[in-house]
């Protein structure tokens, strides 16, 4: 009976460790807001270093640390957003469909809607 208890304790500790490791990864928050309600009143001071929201049908979004780890590489759908609270080493960003997204850098809106597909920029 003690072995069963020890195994359950080990599984619980591994699950908690994995959860907290995942939560400690760089400040990334991807969310979906299907209704779009409340997205218009986003406070620029809470947007962090980089905030991207898909307002069109969809767009590929690629974010990485320059010369390093890939933080995001996925197709995001309408209503989804991603927020990076900090970027000590900077961020390299590529947007598949610039007309389909709103981009805020340090809380200021950057209009990239007129750029070509696959538009890239760097956030310092």
C-alpha atoms as a PDB file:
ATOM      1  CA  UNK A   1       0.000   0.000   0.000  1.00  0.00           C
ATOM      2  CA  UNK A   2       2.920   2.341   0.746  1.00  0.00           C
ATOM      3  CA  UNK A   3       4.292   1.770  -2.764  1.00  0.00           C
ATOM      4  CA  UNK A   4       0.983   2.845  -4.342  1.00  0.00           C
ATOM      5  CA  UNK A   5       0.996   6.014  -2.227  1.00  0.00           C
ATOM      6  CA  UNK A   6       4.598   6.762  -3.204  1.00  0.00           C
ATOM      7  CA  UNK A   7       3.799   6.277  -6.906  1.00  0.00           C
ATOM      8  CA  UNK A   8       0.762   8.588  -6.671  1.00  0.00           C
ATOM      9  CA  UNK A   9       2.869  11.211  -4.882  1.00  0.00           C
ATOM     10  CA  UNK A  10       5.562  10.959  -7.578  1.00  0.00           C
ATOM     11  CA  UNK A  11       3.003  11.352 -10.380  1.00  0.00           C
ATOM     12  CA  UNK A  12       1.449  14.365  -8.639  1.00  0.00           C
ATOM     13  CA  UNK A  13       4.842  16.030  -8.153  1.00  0.00           C
ATOM     14  CA  UNK A  14       5.806  15.419 -11.803  1.00  0.00           C
ATOM     15  CA  UNK A  15       2.501  16.884 -13.011  1.00  0.00           C
ATOM     16  CA  UNK A  16       2.886  19.973 -10.827  1.00  0.00           C
ATOM     17  CA  UNK A  17       6.505  20.397 -11.902  1.00  0.00           C
ATOM     18  CA  UNK A  18       5.516  20.245 -15.568  1.00  0.00           C
ATOM     19  CA  UNK A  19       2.706  22.725 -15.030  1.00  0.00           C
ATOM     20  CA  UNK A  20       4.938  25.258 -13.282  1.00  0.00           C
ATOM     21  CA  UNK A  21       7.709  24.791 -15.852  1.00  0.00           C
ATOM     22  CA  UNK A  22       5.230  25.567 -18.621  1.00  0.00           C
ATOM     23  CA  UNK A  23       3.960  28.637 -16.759  1.00  0.00           C
ATOM     24  CA  UNK A  24       7.533  29.919 -16.323  1.00  0.00           C
ATOM     25  CA  UNK A  25       8.237  30.063 -20.073  1.00  0.00           C
ATOM     26  CA  UNK A  26       8.595  33.570 -21.630  1.00  0.00           C
ATOM     27  CA  UNK A  27       5.568  35.840 -21.178  1.00  0.00           C
ATOM     28  CA  UNK A  28       3.438  34.513 -23.984  1.00  0.00           C
ATOM     29  CA  UNK A  29      -0.308  34.582 -23.862  1.00  0.00           C
ATOM     30  CA  UNK A  30      -2.303  33.419 -26.876  1.00  0.00           C
ATOM     31  CA  UNK A  31      -6.030  33.774 -26.438  1.00  0.00           C
ATOM     32  CA  UNK A  32      -9.156  33.424 -28.516  1.00  0.00           C
ATOM     33  CA  UNK A  33     -12.066  35.800 -28.195  1.00  0.00           C
ATOM     34  CA  UNK A  34     -14.654  34.551 -30.673  1.00  0.00           C
ATOM     35  CA  UNK A  35     -17.173  37.306 -29.991  1.00  0.00           C
ATOM     36  CA  UNK A  36     -14.639  40.117 -30.265  1.00  0.00           C
ATOM     37  CA  UNK A  37     -16.319  41.768 -27.287  1.00  0.00           C
ATOM     38  CA  UNK A  38     -14.012  43.748 -25.112  1.00  0.00           C
ATOM     39  CA  UNK A  39     -11.129  43.723 -27.576  1.00  0.00           C
ATOM     40  CA  UNK A  40     -11.673  47.320 -28.644  1.00  0.00           C
ATOM     41  CA  UNK A  41     -11.013  48.626 -25.141  1.00  0.00           C
ATOM     42  CA  UNK A  42      -7.588  47.009 -24.748  1.00  0.00           C
ATOM     43  CA  UNK A  43      -5.470  49.260 -22.533  1.00  0.00           C
ATOM     44  CA  UNK A  44      -2.176  50.101 -24.329  1.00  0.00           C
ATOM     45  CA  UNK A  45      -0.305  50.085 -21.010  1.00  0.00           C
ATOM     46  CA  UNK A  46      -1.215  46.392 -20.533  1.00  0.00           C
ATOM     47  CA  UNK A  47      -0.066  45.291 -23.997  1.00  0.00           C
ATOM     48  CA  UNK A  48       3.553  44.707 -23.027  1.00  0.00           C
ATOM     49  CA  UNK A  49       6.325  44.910 -25.584  1.00  0.00           C
ATOM     50  CA  UNK A  50       4.424  43.260 -28.438  1.00  0.00           C
ATOM     51  CA  UNK A  51       0.696  42.664 -28.872  1.00  0.00           C
ATOM     52  CA  UNK A  52      -0.754  41.113 -32.030  1.00  0.00           C
ATOM     53  CA  UNK A  53      -4.498  40.613 -32.613  1.00  0.00           C
ATOM     54  CA  UNK A  54      -6.022  38.977 -35.698  1.00  0.00           C
ATOM     55  CA  UNK A  55      -8.885  41.091 -37.017  1.00  0.00           C
ATOM     56  CA  UNK A  56      -9.199  39.431 -40.429  1.00  0.00           C
ATOM     57  CA  UNK A  57      -9.931  35.792 -41.210  1.00  0.00           C
ATOM     58  CA  UNK A  58      -6.483  34.448 -40.269  1.00  0.00           C
ATOM     59  CA  UNK A  59      -2.749  35.043 -40.548  1.00  0.00           C
ATOM     60  CA  UNK A  60       0.454  33.118 -39.999  1.00  0.00           C
ATOM     61  CA  UNK A  61       2.409  34.652 -37.126  1.00  0.00           C
ATOM     62  CA  UNK A  62       6.076  33.882 -36.442  1.00  0.00           C
ATOM     63  CA  UNK A  63       7.906  35.331 -33.421  1.00  0.00           C
ATOM     64  CA  UNK A  64      11.410  34.464 -32.254  1.00  0.00           C
ATOM     65  CA  UNK A  65      14.291  35.785 -30.234  1.00  0.00           C
ATOM     66  CA  UNK A  66      16.873  37.108 -32.742  1.00  0.00           C
ATOM     67  CA  UNK A  67      19.149  34.223 -33.675  1.00  0.00           C
ATOM     68  CA  UNK A  68      17.550  32.032 -31.035  1.00  0.00           C
ATOM     69  CA  UNK A  69      14.412  30.297 -29.829  1.00  0.00           C
ATOM     70  CA  UNK A  70      11.153  30.312 -31.774  1.00  0.00           C
ATOM     71  CA  UNK A  71       8.414  31.578 -29.455  1.00  0.00           C
ATOM     72  CA  UNK A  72       5.447  31.285 -31.825  1.00  0.00           C
ATOM     73  CA  UNK A  73       4.950  29.760 -35.265  1.00  0.00           C
ATOM     74  CA  UNK A  74       1.274  29.195 -36.019  1.00  0.00           C
ATOM     75  CA  UNK A  75      -1.718  30.276 -38.027  1.00  0.00           C
ATOM     76  CA  UNK A  76      -3.899  32.446 -35.831  1.00  0.00           C
ATOM     77  CA  UNK A  77      -7.628  32.857 -36.489  1.00  0.00           C
ATOM     78  CA  UNK A  78      -9.887  35.874 -36.166  1.00  0.00           C
ATOM     79  CA  UNK A  79     -10.203  37.013 -32.559  1.00  0.00           C
ATOM     80  CA  UNK A  80      -6.977  35.391 -31.375  1.00  0.00           C
ATOM     81  CA  UNK A  81      -4.231  37.508 -29.889  1.00  0.00           C
ATOM     82  CA  UNK A  82      -0.726  37.090 -28.542  1.00  0.00           C
ATOM     83  CA  UNK A  83       1.029  39.267 -25.993  1.00  0.00           C
ATOM     84  CA  UNK A  84       4.718  39.341 -25.052  1.00  0.00           C
ATOM     85  CA  UNK A  85       5.185  41.134 -21.756  1.00  0.00           C
ATOM     86  CA  UNK A  86       8.938  41.566 -22.146  1.00  0.00           C
ATOM     87  CA  UNK A  87      11.655  41.117 -24.739  1.00  0.00           C
ATOM     88  CA  UNK A  88      15.049  41.650 -23.152  1.00  0.00           C
ATOM     89  CA  UNK A  89      16.872  40.378 -26.252  1.00  0.00           C
ATOM     90  CA  UNK A  90      14.371  41.804 -28.747  1.00  0.00           C
ATOM     91  CA  UNK A  91      11.941  39.956 -31.016  1.00  0.00           C
ATOM     92  CA  UNK A  92      11.891  39.144 -34.723  1.00  0.00           C
ATOM     93  CA  UNK A  93       8.331  39.074 -36.076  1.00  0.00           C
ATOM     94  CA  UNK A  94       6.921  37.893 -39.410  1.00  0.00           C
ATOM     95  CA  UNK A  95       3.249  38.404 -40.245  1.00  0.00           C
ATOM     96  CA  UNK A  96       1.805  36.322 -43.092  1.00  0.00           C
ATOM     97  CA  UNK A  97      -1.172  38.567 -43.879  1.00  0.00           C
ATOM     98  CA  UNK A  98      -0.468  42.100 -42.565  1.00  0.00           C
ATOM     99  CA  UNK A  99      -3.926  43.392 -43.525  1.00  0.00           C
ATOM    100  CA  UNK A 100      -5.471  40.809 -41.177  1.00  0.00           C
ATOM    101  CA  UNK A 101      -3.727  41.865 -37.957  1.00  0.00           C
ATOM    102  CA  UNK A 102      -3.341  44.783 -35.583  1.00  0.00           C
ATOM    103  CA  UNK A 103       0.139  45.209 -34.127  1.00  0.00           C
ATOM    104  CA  UNK A 104       1.065  47.204 -31.033  1.00  0.00           C
ATOM    105  CA  UNK A 105       4.700  47.736 -30.032  1.00  0.00           C
ATOM    106  CA  UNK A 106       5.262  49.191 -26.558  1.00  0.00           C
ATOM    107  CA  UNK A 107       1.563  50.086 -26.486  1.00  0.00           C
ATOM    108  CA  UNK A 108       1.643  52.100 -29.729  1.00  0.00           C
ATOM    109  CA  UNK A 109      -0.264  50.888 -32.785  1.00  0.00           C
ATOM    110  CA  UNK A 110       1.867  50.150 -35.840  1.00  0.00           C
ATOM    111  CA  UNK A 111      -0.157  50.064 -39.049  1.00  0.00           C
ATOM    112  CA  UNK A 112       1.270  47.331 -41.268  1.00  0.00           C
ATOM    113  CA  UNK A 113      -1.925  46.772 -43.270  1.00  0.00           C
ATOM    114  CA  UNK A 114      -0.323  48.148 -46.450  1.00  0.00           C
ATOM    115  CA  UNK A 115       2.692  45.824 -46.295  1.00  0.00           C
ATOM    116  CA  UNK A 116       3.207  42.747 -48.488  1.00  0.00           C
ATOM    117  CA  UNK A 117       2.530  39.194 -47.310  1.00  0.00           C
ATOM    118  CA  UNK A 118       5.294  37.859 -45.095  1.00  0.00           C
ATOM    119  CA  UNK A 119       6.160  41.286 -43.680  1.00  0.00           C
ATOM    120  CA  UNK A 120       8.975  41.117 -41.109  1.00  0.00           C
ATOM    121  CA  UNK A 121      10.107  43.584 -38.457  1.00  0.00           C
ATOM    122  CA  UNK A 122      12.172  43.669 -35.281  1.00  0.00           C
ATOM    123  CA  UNK A 123      11.082  44.818 -31.825  1.00  0.00           C
ATOM    124  CA  UNK A 124      13.823  46.220 -29.622  1.00  0.00           C
END
